[in-house]
Amino acid sequence: MHGQTVEPDVLLSWEDGALGFPEDLSHDERDELSNIRRRKKELLDDIERLKFEIAEVMTEIEQLTCVGESKTTQRNKQIAMGRKKFNMDPKKGIQFLQENDLLQNTPEDIAQFLYKGEGLNKTVIGDYLGERDDFNIKVLLAFVELHEFADLNLVQALRQFLWSFRLPGEAQKIDRMMEAFASRYCQCNPGVFQSTVKGRDDFNIKVLLAFVELHEFADLNLVQALRQFLWSFRLPGEAQKIDRMMEAFASRYCQCNPGVFQSTDTCYVLSFAIIMLNTSLHNPNVRDKPPVERFISMNRGINEGGDLPEELLRNLYDSIKSEPFKIPEDDGNDLTHTFFNPDREGWLLKLGGRVKTWKRRWFILTDNCLYYFEYTTDKEPRGIIPLENLSIREVEEPRKPNCFELYNPNHKGQVIKACKTEADGRVVEGNHVVYRISAPTPEEKEEWIKSINPSGFLARSLSPLILREGGAYCLPSFRPTNLRGLYYEEFWRRASISRDPFYDMLATRKRRIASKK
């Protein structure tokens, strides 16, 4: 058998050894064939074992990949959820991120989160940074430290700073934030400004002027320029601050449009007249809407003793009548932007309509509507109360202090037009003849009353004076025959003026113009 070839099919048929060996094989050949069979079986076993091990490794790799992707996906979802929560309630959003180990409880880490700002509402960032809580102030300082102002002039630095958030409407918050900006700018640019109190005051004025310099008013009429200016911030309530800001605006407008007005005084007075006209035409509580003829006649003699062109005044009037000043919308894609930067918000107790029980609700006042929520994080309100045609008054409540109520003075006893969301999600009409509400403190009650009536963006921005008649707050009505000379100023003052006496500043400016005749 030496030299003979064993057929492959013979080997294959002997794999299990069931057939034994051919009888004509020698003893050595049988040993060799047996070794071949054994080795082949070992190789096949090794191959199967390797296949199994490879399958196990691939399974582990797939599992690790899935776990990694799952963790990344979960992390991204939690971050997105944290951003949404922040945009609704910054403290709860930050708490959520910290509880999920996505944010450290340090001012520096939170400041970095706000500075990056991805998916965050800039108005909410501004409100959070402006809070006077010690921790918020530390976050503000850390936030400002992230800005590099070295070798930038004041306008450039201010442009960078205001890009990262939106200034809040409250004067004290603005003060704190601009104080932090001033400190950081002086730190980055030593020697540019003095560090004394007077130096800080001078610096604030320079910041204001630099802020106004960011606006380009060339070839804009006064209403268009005011729209741009008032779009970039909310006027504070303090009269002297309003005066400085409007003075800076008037100066900048005249600089961009030389020859339109004889002086900045003219621009200043007409700007205030336009703001007040906006309030009078678009505040639902002001029923006597001044016609264009009244607006023209009451602005006579303000241009260094002369009259402004009637066509100019008519165009300004028509522009305001067709489109009121508006609050700017923020960036982002959350549907809850209606409730950002409200005129007022806070916890109040509301008495039920049919079932007379008191329930704690989160109230938001914005766009001449009062919304209330069960929780601050809710995206949809539990109820909506349109304030048009409603009045507000203080009431005594035996069981609850600091009460006021909303009512319709023209339809007493009738259900107020409002809506609410039932537990099953259905939206139904409200059933309140009056809405009785309790505030936590007497001061908050007063603030809510002042905020609710009158409503309207600029009226509230200028902290309107509200008359109290028989316990109710309302705006008075005036007959056209009363609107002559100083009565015109009295009309504007009562209809839409600040409780801070910027009316006196406006009157002083008019007298200054009159004295130049």
Protein backbone atom coordinates (compact mmCIF):
# COMPACT_ATOMS: atom_id res chain seq x y z
CA MET A 1 0.00 0.00 0.00
CA HIS A 2 3.00 2.26 0.16
CA GLY A 3 2.69 4.97 -2.50
CA GLN A 4 -1.12 4.58 -2.68
CA THR A 5 -3.28 7.64 -2.13
CA VAL A 6 -6.15 7.48 0.34
CA GLU A 7 -9.27 8.87 -1.34
CA PRO A 8 -10.79 11.93 0.37
CA ASP A 9 -14.21 10.33 0.47
CA VAL A 10 -12.74 7.42 2.41
CA LEU A 11 -11.32 9.79 5.02
CA LEU A 12 -14.58 11.66 5.22
CA SER A 13 -16.54 8.47 5.61
CA TRP A 14 -14.29 7.49 8.49
CA GLU A 15 -14.61 10.71 10.46
CA ASP A 16 -16.59 9.12 13.22
CA GLY A 17 -14.40 5.97 13.17
CA ALA A 18 -17.46 3.78 12.69
CA LEU A 19 -16.08 2.08 9.61
CA GLY A 20 -12.73 1.08 11.15
CA PHE A 21 -9.75 0.63 8.83
CA PRO A 22 -9.44 -1.08 5.46
CA GLU A 23 -8.16 -4.62 5.87
CA ASP A 24 -5.29 -4.17 3.42
CA LEU A 25 -3.63 -1.38 5.52
CA SER A 26 -0.49 -2.18 7.44
CA HIS A 27 -0.17 -1.49 11.15
CA ASP A 28 1.88 1.66 10.56
CA GLU A 29 -0.59 2.93 7.98
CA ARG A 30 -3.43 2.38 10.39
CA ASP A 31 -1.58 4.36 13.11
CA GLU A 32 -0.92 7.18 10.67
CA LEU A 33 -4.51 7.27 9.53
CA SER A 34 -5.70 7.24 13.13
CA ASN A 35 -3.48 10.22 13.92
CA ILE A 36 -4.83 12.08 10.88
CA ARG A 37 -8.38 11.40 12.04
CA ARG A 38 -7.62 12.60 15.57
CA ARG A 39 -5.84 15.73 14.38
CA LYS A 40 -8.65 16.56 12.02
CA LYS A 41 -11.21 16.18 14.78
CA GLU A 42 -9.14 18.42 17.07
CA LEU A 43 -8.92 21.04 14.32
CA LEU A 44 -12.66 20.93 13.73
CA ASP A 45 -13.28 21.23 17.47
CA ASP A 46 -10.87 24.17 17.63
CA ILE A 47 -12.67 25.82 14.72
CA GLU A 48 -16.04 25.42 16.41
CA ARG A 49 -14.64 26.73 19.68
CA LEU A 50 -13.16 29.74 17.89
CA LYS A 51 -16.46 30.37 16.14
CA PHE A 52 -18.24 30.31 19.49
CA GLU A 53 -15.68 32.61 21.09
CA ILE A 54 -15.89 35.01 18.14
CA ALA A 55 -19.67 35.02 18.43
CA GLU A 56 -19.40 35.75 22.15
CA VAL A 57 -16.93 38.60 21.57
CA MET A 58 -19.12 40.10 18.84
CA THR A 59 -22.13 39.92 21.15
CA GLU A 60 -20.19 41.68 23.90
CA ILE A 61 -19.02 44.35 21.45
CA GLU A 62 -22.57 44.92 20.25
CA GLN A 63 -23.80 45.13 23.82
CA LEU A 64 -21.06 47.59 24.77
CA THR A 65 -21.84 49.68 21.69
CA CYS A 66 -25.54 49.67 22.51
CA VAL A 67 -24.84 50.59 26.12
CA GLY A 68 -22.53 53.43 25.02
CA GLU A 69 -25.03 54.72 22.50
CA SER A 70 -27.82 54.33 25.03
CA LYS A 71 -25.88 56.28 27.65
CA THR A 72 -25.07 59.03 25.14
CA THR A 73 -28.66 59.17 23.97
CA GLN A 74 -29.93 59.21 27.54
CA ARG A 75 -27.45 61.94 28.47
CA ASN A 76 -28.47 64.07 25.50
CA LYS A 77 -32.13 63.62 26.37
CA GLN A 78 -31.49 64.65 29.96
CA ILE A 79 -29.53 67.71 28.85
CA ALA A 80 -32.34 68.71 26.48
CA MET A 81 -34.88 68.19 29.26
CA GLY A 82 -32.74 70.27 31.62
CA ARG A 83 -32.63 73.12 29.10
CA LYS A 84 -36.40 73.06 28.71
CA LYS A 85 -36.86 73.06 32.46
CA PHE A 86 -34.41 75.95 32.74
CA ASN A 87 -36.37 77.97 30.19
CA MET A 88 -39.53 77.48 32.27
CA ASP A 89 -37.93 77.79 35.71
CA PRO A 90 -34.15 78.34 35.83
CA LYS A 91 -33.67 77.09 39.39
CA LYS A 92 -35.55 73.85 38.73
CA GLY A 93 -33.71 73.35 35.45
CA ILE A 94 -30.33 73.72 37.14
CA GLN A 95 -31.45 71.43 39.97
CA PHE A 96 -32.50 68.77 37.44
CA LEU A 97 -29.13 68.90 35.68
CA GLN A 98 -27.28 68.67 38.99
CA GLU A 99 -29.35 65.70 40.17
CA ASN A 100 -28.42 63.86 36.97
CA ASP A 101 -24.69 64.70 37.35
CA LEU A 102 -24.76 66.93 34.28
CA LEU A 103 -23.88 70.13 36.13
CA GLN A 104 -21.81 70.87 39.22
CA ASN A 105 -23.24 73.00 42.02
CA THR A 106 -20.60 75.69 41.63
CA PRO A 107 -20.99 79.25 40.33
CA GLU A 108 -18.24 78.61 37.78
CA ASP A 109 -19.89 75.51 36.28
CA ILE A 110 -23.32 77.12 36.11
CA ALA A 111 -21.80 80.27 34.59
CA GLN A 112 -20.14 78.14 31.91
CA PHE A 113 -23.48 76.47 31.18
CA LEU A 114 -25.16 79.88 30.78
CA TYR A 115 -22.28 81.32 28.78
CA LYS A 116 -22.45 78.53 26.20
CA GLY A 117 -26.17 79.18 26.10
CA GLU A 118 -27.06 76.36 23.71
CA GLY A 119 -30.85 75.98 23.64
CA LEU A 120 -31.31 78.47 26.48
CA ASN A 121 -33.66 81.42 26.40
CA LYS A 122 -31.62 84.61 26.67
CA THR A 123 -34.35 86.42 28.58
CA VAL A 124 -34.35 83.69 31.24
CA ILE A 125 -30.54 83.84 31.41
CA GLY A 126 -30.77 87.58 32.03
CA ASP A 127 -33.41 87.21 34.73
CA TYR A 128 -31.40 84.49 36.51
CA LEU A 129 -28.17 86.47 36.41
CA GLY A 130 -29.96 89.56 37.70
CA GLU A 131 -31.33 87.93 40.86
CA ARG A 132 -29.96 89.37 44.10
CA ASP A 133 -29.54 85.98 45.80
CA ASP A 134 -25.92 85.57 46.96
CA PHE A 135 -25.37 82.47 44.85
CA ASN A 136 -26.85 84.13 41.74
CA ILE A 137 -24.53 87.09 42.24
CA LYS A 138 -21.56 84.71 42.37
CA VAL A 139 -22.79 83.10 39.14
CA LEU A 140 -23.09 86.56 37.58
CA LEU A 141 -19.51 87.42 38.53
CA ALA A 142 -18.26 84.09 37.17
CA PHE A 143 -20.32 84.64 34.00
CA VAL A 144 -18.79 88.07 33.42
CA GLU A 145 -15.31 86.63 34.04
CA LEU A 146 -15.81 84.41 30.98
CA HIS A 147 -15.87 87.52 28.77
CA GLU A 148 -12.55 88.87 27.55
CA PHE A 149 -12.72 92.64 27.06
CA ALA A 150 -9.00 93.44 26.83
CA ASP A 151 -8.17 95.99 24.10
CA LEU A 152 -11.85 96.44 23.19
CA ASN A 153 -13.42 99.86 23.23
CA LEU A 154 -16.56 100.26 25.28
CA VAL A 155 -18.95 99.76 22.37
CA GLN A 156 -17.21 96.55 21.30
CA ALA A 157 -17.20 95.19 24.86
CA LEU A 158 -20.83 96.08 25.38
CA ARG A 159 -21.78 94.46 22.08
CA GLN A 160 -20.11 91.21 23.17
CA PHE A 161 -21.66 91.32 26.64
CA LEU A 162 -25.24 91.97 25.49
CA TRP A 163 -24.97 89.23 22.87
CA SER A 164 -24.80 86.55 25.57
CA PHE A 165 -28.15 87.29 27.25
CA ARG A 166 -31.04 89.75 27.22
CA LEU A 167 -31.20 92.53 29.78
CA PRO A 168 -34.07 92.02 32.26
CA GLY A 169 -36.71 94.68 32.73
CA GLU A 170 -36.17 95.33 36.43
CA ALA A 171 -33.97 98.34 37.10
CA GLN A 172 -32.19 96.78 40.10
CA LYS A 173 -31.26 93.71 38.07
CA ILE A 174 -29.90 95.89 35.29
CA ASP A 175 -27.88 97.83 37.87
CA ARG A 176 -26.26 94.67 39.23
CA MET A 177 -25.45 93.32 35.80
CA MET A 178 -24.01 96.56 34.48
CA GLU A 179 -22.01 96.98 37.70
CA ALA A 180 -20.49 93.54 37.07
CA PHE A 181 -19.81 94.47 33.45
CA ALA A 182 -18.16 97.73 34.51
CA SER A 183 -15.94 95.95 37.01
CA ARG A 184 -14.86 93.35 34.45
CA TYR A 185 -14.20 95.96 31.75
CA CYS A 186 -12.03 98.02 34.09
CA GLN A 187 -10.21 94.86 35.16
CA CYS A 188 -9.42 94.02 31.53
CA ASN A 189 -8.57 97.63 30.68
CA PRO A 190 -6.90 99.19 33.73
CA GLY A 191 -6.51 102.95 33.72
CA VAL A 192 -9.31 103.71 31.25
CA PHE A 193 -11.78 104.83 33.95
CA GLN A 194 -11.53 105.94 37.54
CA SER A 195 -12.69 103.52 40.24
CA THR A 196 -14.37 106.11 42.48
CA VAL A 197 -18.14 106.30 42.97
CA LYS A 198 -18.23 109.31 40.68
CA GLY A 199 -16.11 107.35 38.25
CA ARG A 200 -18.63 104.50 38.30
CA ASP A 201 -21.47 106.93 37.67
CA ASP A 202 -19.54 108.40 34.76
CA PHE A 203 -18.86 104.89 33.54
CA ASN A 204 -22.55 103.95 33.63
CA ILE A 205 -23.38 107.01 31.58
CA LYS A 206 -20.62 106.12 29.12
CA VAL A 207 -22.05 102.59 28.91
CA LEU A 208 -25.47 104.03 28.16
CA LEU A 209 -24.03 106.25 25.44
CA ALA A 210 -22.10 103.29 24.04
CA PHE A 211 -25.27 101.20 24.09
CA VAL A 212 -27.12 103.86 22.12
CA GLU A 213 -24.19 104.08 19.70
CA LEU A 214 -24.92 100.45 18.76
CA HIS A 215 -28.16 101.62 17.16
CA GLU A 216 -28.13 102.97 13.62
CA PHE A 217 -31.01 105.41 13.14
CA ALA A 218 -29.94 107.01 9.86
CA ASP A 219 -32.83 107.52 7.40
CA LEU A 220 -35.39 106.22 9.92
CA ASN A 221 -38.35 108.31 11.00
CA LEU A 222 -38.79 108.80 14.72
CA VAL A 223 -41.27 105.93 15.17
CA GLN A 224 -39.02 103.51 13.32
CA ALA A 225 -36.07 104.56 15.45
CA LEU A 226 -38.10 104.23 18.65
CA ARG A 227 -39.20 100.74 17.61
CA GLN A 228 -35.58 99.70 17.21
CA PHE A 229 -34.53 101.33 20.47
CA LEU A 230 -37.38 99.97 22.61
CA TRP A 231 -36.90 96.53 21.03
CA SER A 232 -33.47 96.19 22.65
CA PHE A 233 -34.51 96.52 26.31
CA ARG A 234 -37.41 97.43 28.59
CA LEU A 235 -37.66 100.94 29.97
CA PRO A 236 -37.06 101.01 33.74
CA GLY A 237 -39.66 102.49 36.07
CA GLU A 238 -37.45 105.12 37.69
CA ALA A 239 -38.05 108.57 36.21
CA GLN A 240 -34.43 109.75 36.26
CA LYS A 241 -33.27 106.60 34.48
CA ILE A 242 -35.96 107.02 31.82
CA ASP A 243 -34.88 110.63 31.39
CA ARG A 244 -31.24 109.68 30.85
CA MET A 245 -32.10 106.91 28.40
CA MET A 246 -34.48 109.05 26.35
CA GLU A 247 -31.97 111.91 26.40
CA ALA A 248 -29.34 109.56 24.99
CA PHE A 249 -31.80 108.30 22.38
CA ALA A 250 -32.72 111.82 21.27
CA SER A 251 -29.08 112.81 20.99
CA ARG A 252 -28.24 109.72 18.93
CA TYR A 253 -31.22 110.20 16.62
CA CYS A 254 -30.30 113.81 15.91
CA GLN A 255 -26.71 112.74 15.30
CA CYS A 256 -27.84 110.16 12.72
CA ASN A 257 -30.42 112.49 11.14
CA PRO A 258 -29.08 116.04 11.18
CA GLY A 259 -31.58 118.70 10.18
CA VAL A 260 -34.75 116.77 11.05
CA PHE A 261 -35.21 118.64 14.35
CA GLN A 262 -33.94 122.00 15.53
CA SER A 263 -32.64 120.48 18.78
CA THR A 264 -32.51 117.31 20.84
CA ASP A 265 -35.17 118.85 23.10
CA THR A 266 -37.64 118.64 20.22
CA CYS A 267 -36.75 115.01 19.56
CA TYR A 268 -37.00 114.23 23.29
CA VAL A 269 -40.49 115.74 23.68
CA LEU A 270 -41.85 114.19 20.49
CA SER A 271 -40.44 110.78 21.46
CA PHE A 272 -42.33 110.89 24.75
CA ALA A 273 -45.47 112.03 22.94
CA ILE A 274 -45.19 109.02 20.63
CA ILE A 275 -44.73 106.60 23.52
CA MET A 276 -47.78 108.06 25.25
CA LEU A 277 -49.76 107.98 21.99
CA ASN A 278 -48.93 104.29 21.67
CA THR A 279 -50.35 103.66 25.15
CA SER A 280 -53.47 105.72 24.54
CA LEU A 281 -54.28 104.12 21.17
CA HIS A 282 -53.61 100.51 22.16
CA ASN A 283 -54.37 100.28 25.88
CA PRO A 284 -57.90 98.78 26.06
CA ASN A 285 -58.53 100.67 29.29
CA VAL A 286 -58.19 104.03 27.54
CA ARG A 287 -61.50 104.57 25.78
CA ASP A 288 -60.95 108.10 24.51
CA LYS A 289 -58.60 107.48 21.56
CA PRO A 290 -57.01 110.77 20.46
CA PRO A 291 -57.50 111.52 16.74
CA VAL A 292 -54.60 112.66 14.60
CA GLU A 293 -55.77 116.28 14.76
CA ARG A 294 -55.41 116.27 18.53
CA PHE A 295 -51.95 114.74 18.31
CA ILE A 296 -50.90 117.45 15.84
CA SER A 297 -52.37 120.34 17.81
CA MET A 298 -50.81 119.24 21.07
CA ASN A 299 -47.33 119.11 19.56
CA ARG A 300 -47.36 122.64 18.21
CA GLY A 301 -44.50 124.92 19.12
CA ILE A 302 -42.11 122.19 20.26
CA ASN A 303 -39.55 122.72 17.48
CA GLU A 304 -37.65 125.64 19.02
CA GLY A 305 -40.92 127.54 19.17
CA GLY A 306 -41.97 126.55 15.67
CA ASP A 307 -44.25 123.80 14.41
CA LEU A 308 -43.15 120.49 13.00
CA PRO A 309 -44.45 119.63 9.50
CA GLU A 310 -48.01 118.31 9.70
CA GLU A 311 -47.19 115.55 7.22
CA LEU A 312 -44.42 114.31 9.54
CA LEU A 313 -46.77 114.16 12.53
CA ARG A 314 -49.48 112.42 10.51
CA ASN A 315 -47.04 109.77 9.33
CA LEU A 316 -45.85 109.16 12.89
CA TYR A 317 -49.44 108.92 14.13
CA ASP A 318 -50.47 106.49 11.36
CA SER A 319 -47.44 104.30 12.02
CA ILE A 320 -48.27 103.94 15.72
CA LYS A 321 -51.97 103.45 15.03
CA SER A 322 -51.35 100.63 12.57
CA GLU A 323 -48.64 98.89 14.60
CA PRO A 324 -48.05 99.32 18.36
CA PHE A 325 -44.70 98.91 20.04
CA LYS A 326 -44.13 95.27 20.93
CA ILE A 327 -41.98 93.17 23.23
CA PRO A 328 -39.26 91.39 21.23
CA GLU A 329 -39.53 87.62 20.87
CA ASP A 330 -36.60 85.59 22.07
CA ASP A 331 -34.64 82.94 20.21
CA GLY A 332 -35.26 79.21 20.66
CA ASN A 333 -38.09 76.94 19.57
CA ASP A 334 -40.07 76.32 22.75
CA LEU A 335 -43.81 76.96 22.45
CA THR A 336 -43.86 78.49 25.91
CA HIS A 337 -42.25 81.75 24.76
CA THR A 338 -45.59 83.45 25.33
CA PHE A 339 -44.83 83.28 29.04
CA PHE A 340 -41.21 84.47 28.88
CA ASN A 341 -40.42 87.91 30.22
CA PRO A 342 -43.92 88.43 31.67
CA ASP A 343 -45.08 91.66 33.23
CA ARG A 344 -45.51 89.87 36.55
CA GLU A 345 -45.54 86.30 37.87
CA GLY A 346 -45.82 84.57 41.22
CA TRP A 347 -47.79 82.27 43.52
CA LEU A 348 -51.33 83.35 44.44
CA LEU A 349 -54.37 81.65 45.96
CA LYS A 350 -57.50 81.48 43.78
CA LEU A 351 -61.02 80.82 45.02
CA GLY A 352 -62.90 78.22 42.99
CA GLY A 353 -65.96 79.14 40.94
CA ARG A 354 -68.46 76.40 41.82
CA VAL A 355 -66.56 74.67 44.63
CA LYS A 356 -65.47 77.43 47.00
CA THR A 357 -62.03 76.13 47.89
CA TRP A 358 -58.73 78.01 47.74
CA LYS A 359 -56.06 76.55 45.47
CA ARG A 360 -52.48 77.67 45.06
CA ARG A 361 -51.66 78.55 41.48
CA TRP A 362 -48.70 80.05 39.62
CA PHE A 363 -49.96 83.21 37.90
CA ILE A 364 -48.39 84.92 34.89
CA LEU A 365 -49.47 88.33 33.60
CA THR A 366 -48.60 88.99 29.96
CA ASP A 367 -50.20 90.41 26.80
CA ASN A 368 -53.27 91.70 28.68
CA CYS A 369 -54.09 88.18 29.89
CA LEU A 370 -53.75 86.46 33.23
CA TYR A 371 -52.65 82.81 33.02
CA TYR A 372 -52.51 80.40 35.92
CA PHE A 373 -50.69 77.07 36.20
CA GLU A 374 -50.68 74.24 38.70
CA TYR A 375 -46.87 74.09 38.66
CA THR A 376 -44.21 76.49 37.42
CA THR A 377 -42.90 73.81 35.05
CA ASP A 378 -46.25 73.25 33.31
CA LYS A 379 -46.22 74.18 29.63
CA GLU A 380 -49.97 74.61 29.34
CA PRO A 381 -51.96 76.87 31.68
CA ARG A 382 -54.84 75.52 33.75
CA GLY A 383 -56.78 78.69 33.02
CA ILE A 384 -56.73 81.89 30.96
CA ILE A 385 -58.42 85.13 32.03
CA PRO A 386 -58.51 87.86 29.33
CA LEU A 387 -58.37 91.21 31.13
CA GLU A 388 -60.16 93.25 28.49
CA ASN A 389 -63.23 95.00 29.96
CA LEU A 390 -62.38 93.78 33.47
CA SER A 391 -61.71 95.96 36.51
CA ILE A 392 -59.92 95.17 39.74
CA ARG A 393 -60.71 96.07 43.36
CA GLU A 394 -59.57 95.27 46.85
CA VAL A 395 -61.94 93.12 48.93
CA GLU A 396 -62.14 91.92 52.51
CA GLU A 397 -62.12 88.16 52.91
CA PRO A 398 -62.70 86.68 56.40
CA ARG A 399 -60.63 83.57 55.74
CA LYS A 400 -57.86 84.99 53.58
CA PRO A 401 -55.88 88.24 53.85
CA ASN A 402 -54.59 90.46 51.04
CA CYS A 403 -57.47 89.78 48.66
CA PHE A 404 -58.49 91.43 45.43
CA GLU A 405 -60.90 90.42 42.73
CA LEU A 406 -61.44 90.81 39.00
CA TYR A 407 -64.94 91.70 37.85
CA ASN A 408 -66.83 93.10 34.87
CA PRO A 409 -68.30 96.48 35.89
CA ASN A 410 -70.59 96.57 32.84
CA HIS A 411 -72.13 93.13 33.30
CA LYS A 412 -72.47 92.50 37.01
CA GLY A 413 -73.67 89.02 37.87
CA GLN A 414 -72.67 87.54 34.53
CA VAL A 415 -69.98 84.90 34.12
CA ILE A 416 -66.64 86.36 33.06
CA LYS A 417 -65.42 85.20 29.67
CA ALA A 418 -62.51 82.91 30.46
CA CYS A 419 -61.48 79.30 29.98
CA LYS A 420 -59.85 76.52 31.96
CA THR A 421 -58.52 73.01 31.39
CA GLU A 422 -60.27 70.11 33.12
CA ALA A 423 -58.42 67.12 34.58
CA ASP A 424 -59.25 65.05 31.47
CA GLY A 425 -57.71 67.68 29.18
CA ARG A 426 -60.95 69.26 27.98
CA VAL A 427 -60.94 73.04 27.62
CA VAL A 428 -64.17 74.51 28.98
CA GLU A 429 -65.55 77.95 29.71
CA GLY A 430 -64.95 79.35 33.17
CA ASN A 431 -67.80 79.80 35.64
CA HIS A 432 -66.62 82.77 37.68
CA VAL A 433 -68.77 85.85 38.16
CA VAL A 434 -65.72 87.35 39.88
CA TYR A 435 -62.20 86.01 40.31
CA ARG A 436 -61.20 86.35 43.95
CA ILE A 437 -57.46 86.08 44.56
CA SER A 438 -55.28 86.23 47.67
CA ALA A 439 -51.66 87.42 47.66
CA PRO A 440 -49.02 86.31 50.21
CA THR A 441 -48.38 89.84 51.51
CA PRO A 442 -50.01 93.29 51.37
CA GLU A 443 -47.08 94.55 49.29
CA GLU A 444 -47.50 91.82 46.69
CA LYS A 445 -51.22 92.51 46.55
CA GLU A 446 -50.52 96.16 45.74
CA GLU A 447 -47.96 95.20 43.10
CA TRP A 448 -50.36 92.78 41.40
CA ILE A 449 -53.11 95.39 41.36
CA LYS A 450 -50.79 97.98 39.84
CA SER A 451 -49.54 95.49 37.24
CA ILE A 452 -52.93 94.18 36.19
CA ASN A 453 -54.63 97.52 35.62
CA PRO A 454 -53.92 99.19 33.33
CA SER A 455 -52.43 96.53 31.04
CA GLY A 456 -50.29 97.07 27.99
CA PHE A 457 -46.56 96.84 27.41
CA LEU A 458 -45.54 100.46 27.48
CA ALA A 459 -48.11 101.42 30.08
CA ARG A 460 -46.59 98.85 32.40
CA SER A 461 -43.06 99.67 31.37
CA LEU A 462 -43.72 103.23 32.47
CA SER A 463 -45.36 102.04 35.72
CA PRO A 464 -48.70 103.79 35.05
CA LEU A 465 -50.52 105.90 37.59
CA ILE A 466 -53.89 104.34 38.39
CA LEU A 467 -56.70 106.23 40.02
CA ARG A 468 -58.62 104.68 42.88
CA GLU A 469 -62.35 105.40 42.80
CA GLY A 470 -64.61 103.69 45.33
CA GLY A 471 -62.04 100.99 46.00
CA ALA A 472 -61.68 100.10 42.31
CA TYR A 473 -58.71 100.88 40.09
CA CYS A 474 -59.53 102.34 36.71
CA LEU A 475 -58.44 104.84 34.13
CA PRO A 476 -60.55 108.01 33.94
CA SER A 477 -62.30 109.07 30.76
CA PHE A 478 -61.89 112.58 29.36
CA ARG A 479 -64.06 114.71 27.10
CA PRO A 480 -62.35 116.18 24.03
CA THR A 481 -63.32 119.68 25.16
CA ASN A 482 -60.99 119.28 28.14
CA LEU A 483 -58.01 118.54 25.93
CA ARG A 484 -56.50 121.98 25.47
CA GLY A 485 -53.08 123.23 26.44
CA LEU A 486 -52.09 121.89 29.84
CA TYR A 487 -55.21 119.70 29.92
CA TYR A 488 -53.61 117.72 27.13
CA GLU A 489 -50.59 117.07 29.32
CA GLU A 490 -52.92 116.18 32.19
CA PHE A 491 -54.70 113.70 29.91
CA TRP A 492 -51.44 111.99 29.01
CA ARG A 493 -50.25 112.08 32.60
CA ARG A 494 -53.38 110.40 33.95
CA ALA A 495 -53.82 107.98 31.08
CA SER A 496 -50.38 106.51 30.82
CA ILE A 497 -47.81 108.29 32.94
CA SER A 498 -45.37 106.73 35.40
CA ARG A 499 -46.06 106.90 39.12
CA ASP A 500 -42.54 108.35 39.13
CA PRO A 501 -42.88 111.97 38.04
CA PHE A 502 -41.28 111.90 34.60
CA TYR A 503 -44.32 113.96 33.62
CA ASP A 504 -42.59 116.83 35.43
CA MET A 505 -39.43 116.25 33.41
CA LEU A 506 -41.41 116.37 30.18
CA ALA A 507 -43.19 119.54 31.26
CA THR A 508 -39.83 121.09 32.21
CA ARG A 509 -38.42 120.23 28.79
CA LYS A 510 -41.44 121.83 27.10
CA ARG A 511 -41.03 124.97 29.18
CA ARG A 512 -37.36 125.06 28.17
CA ILE A 513 -38.38 125.01 24.51
CA ALA A 514 -41.06 127.66 25.09
CA SER A 515 -38.52 129.96 26.76
CA LYS A 516 -36.45 129.98 23.57
CA LYS A 517 -39.22 131.63 21.56
